[in-house]
Amino acid sequence: MLYRWLADAVVVVHGAFILFVIAGGLLLLRWPRLVWLHLPAAVWGAFIEFSGRICPLTPLENRLRLDAGVAGYGGGFVAHYLLPLIYPPGLTPTLQYLLGGIVLLVNGAIYGWLWLCRER
């Protein structure tokens, strides 16, 4: 039971990290120093998508699920609602490039807007 809970916790952290990578730049409006945490996270997220590699959180989660004796992602809120968002079905290299481009586009727009606001 502990390993399953830990695996679900990894999924929640993974989801939160993905949200932070995509839209965490908006937090800079309130906490500008967060740039030192968000920028490397956004670069890492884009790198993972463009390189076709797997985030280290994925093997960690899978290992914890195996240790829990769970073969798949069935059951529970986390498995039902969050996993399809983090691991979409039919994920292809082209889709990964598109996701990486979205990360760059969204964050580029946010950082550009923040830069323009700061210049004023």
Protein backbone atom coordinates (compact mmCIF):
# COMPACT_ATOMS: atom_id res chain seq x y z
CA MET A 1 0.00 0.00 0.00
CA LEU A 2 2.87 2.38 0.80
CA TYR A 3 4.47 1.90 -2.63
CA ARG A 4 1.19 2.57 -4.38
CA TRP A 5 0.72 5.76 -2.35
CA LEU A 6 4.28 6.82 -3.18
CA ALA A 7 3.67 6.12 -6.88
CA ASP A 8 0.52 8.26 -6.77
CA ALA A 9 2.49 11.00 -4.99
CA VAL A 10 5.09 10.89 -7.78
CA VAL A 11 2.29 11.35 -10.34
CA VAL A 12 0.97 14.38 -8.45
CA VAL A 13 4.47 15.89 -8.24
CA HIS A 14 4.99 15.12 -11.92
CA GLY A 15 1.72 16.83 -12.83
CA ALA A 16 2.55 19.85 -10.69
CA PHE A 17 5.97 20.08 -12.31
CA ILE A 18 4.42 19.96 -15.79
CA LEU A 19 2.01 22.76 -14.87
CA PHE A 20 4.91 24.75 -13.43
CA VAL A 21 6.92 24.24 -16.62
CA ILE A 22 4.07 25.34 -18.86
CA ALA A 23 2.63 28.27 -16.93
CA GLY A 24 4.92 28.88 -13.97
CA GLY A 25 6.17 32.05 -15.61
CA LEU A 26 2.92 33.68 -14.54
CA LEU A 27 4.05 33.28 -10.93
CA LEU A 28 6.85 35.72 -11.72
CA LEU A 29 4.30 38.53 -11.65
CA ARG A 30 4.04 38.01 -7.91
CA TRP A 31 7.45 36.51 -7.12
CA PRO A 32 10.06 37.70 -9.67
CA ARG A 33 12.90 35.80 -8.01
CA LEU A 34 11.15 32.57 -8.90
CA VAL A 35 12.72 33.01 -12.35
CA TRP A 36 15.78 31.15 -11.03
CA LEU A 37 13.62 28.09 -10.40
CA HIS A 38 11.22 28.39 -13.33
CA LEU A 39 13.68 29.02 -16.13
CA PRO A 40 15.71 25.82 -15.54
CA ALA A 41 12.47 23.86 -15.13
CA ALA A 42 11.13 25.20 -18.45
CA VAL A 43 14.42 24.42 -20.19
CA TRP A 44 14.37 20.89 -18.73
CA GLY A 45 10.75 20.36 -19.84
CA ALA A 46 11.51 21.51 -23.38
CA PHE A 47 14.69 19.39 -23.47
CA ILE A 48 12.80 16.26 -22.43
CA GLU A 49 10.18 16.83 -25.13
CA PHE A 50 12.59 17.74 -27.94
CA SER A 51 15.07 14.98 -27.15
CA GLY A 52 12.42 12.27 -26.91
CA ARG A 53 13.79 11.19 -23.55
CA ILE A 54 11.79 10.09 -20.54
CA CYS A 55 11.58 12.22 -17.43
CA PRO A 56 13.25 10.46 -14.49
CA LEU A 57 9.98 10.65 -12.56
CA THR A 58 8.37 8.18 -14.98
CA PRO A 59 10.70 5.22 -14.25
CA LEU A 60 10.51 6.06 -10.54
CA GLU A 61 6.73 5.88 -10.63
CA ASN A 62 6.75 2.66 -12.64
CA ARG A 63 9.21 1.06 -10.23
CA LEU A 64 7.06 2.03 -7.25
CA ARG A 65 4.00 0.57 -8.99
CA LEU A 66 5.84 -2.68 -9.63
CA ASP A 67 6.94 -2.77 -5.99
CA ALA A 68 3.29 -2.25 -5.01
CA GLY A 69 2.31 -5.21 -7.18
CA VAL A 70 0.29 -3.04 -9.55
CA ALA A 71 0.67 -3.86 -13.22
CA GLY A 72 -1.08 -0.86 -14.68
CA TYR A 73 -2.60 2.50 -13.92
CA GLY A 74 -6.07 1.28 -13.03
CA GLY A 75 -8.13 2.59 -10.13
CA GLY A 76 -8.18 5.68 -7.98
CA PHE A 77 -8.54 9.39 -8.65
CA VAL A 78 -4.91 9.94 -9.51
CA ALA A 79 -4.80 7.07 -11.97
CA HIS A 80 -8.09 7.96 -13.59
CA TYR A 81 -7.75 11.74 -13.92
CA LEU A 82 -4.08 12.72 -13.83
CA LEU A 83 -2.30 9.92 -15.67
CA PRO A 84 -4.02 10.52 -19.05
CA LEU A 85 -2.94 14.17 -18.85
CA ILE A 86 0.68 13.30 -18.08
CA TYR A 87 0.93 10.26 -20.36
CA PRO A 88 -1.44 10.89 -23.29
CA PRO A 89 -2.32 7.86 -25.41
CA GLY A 90 -0.60 7.79 -28.79
CA LEU A 91 2.35 9.94 -27.71
CA THR A 92 4.56 10.15 -30.80
CA PRO A 93 7.83 12.00 -31.45
CA THR A 94 5.89 14.54 -33.52
CA LEU A 95 3.51 15.15 -30.63
CA GLN A 96 6.48 15.49 -28.28
CA TYR A 97 7.97 18.16 -30.56
CA LEU A 98 4.62 19.93 -30.56
CA LEU A 99 4.48 19.80 -26.75
CA GLY A 100 8.04 21.12 -26.52
CA GLY A 101 7.11 23.92 -28.90
CA ILE A 102 4.09 24.79 -26.76
CA VAL A 103 6.34 24.98 -23.70
CA LEU A 104 8.68 27.36 -25.53
CA LEU A 105 5.88 29.42 -27.04
CA VAL A 106 3.90 29.86 -23.81
CA ASN A 107 6.97 30.65 -21.74
CA GLY A 108 8.44 32.90 -24.42
CA ALA A 109 5.20 34.89 -24.48
CA ILE A 110 5.10 35.12 -20.68
CA TYR A 111 8.73 36.17 -20.38
CA GLY A 112 8.35 38.64 -23.25
CA TRP A 113 5.29 40.18 -21.63
CA LEU A 114 7.08 40.41 -18.28
CA TRP A 115 10.06 42.05 -19.95
CA LEU A 116 7.83 44.61 -21.66
CA CYS A 117 6.03 45.36 -18.39
CA ARG A 118 9.34 45.81 -16.60
CA GLU A 119 10.61 48.18 -19.30
CA ARG A 120 7.60 50.46 -18.85
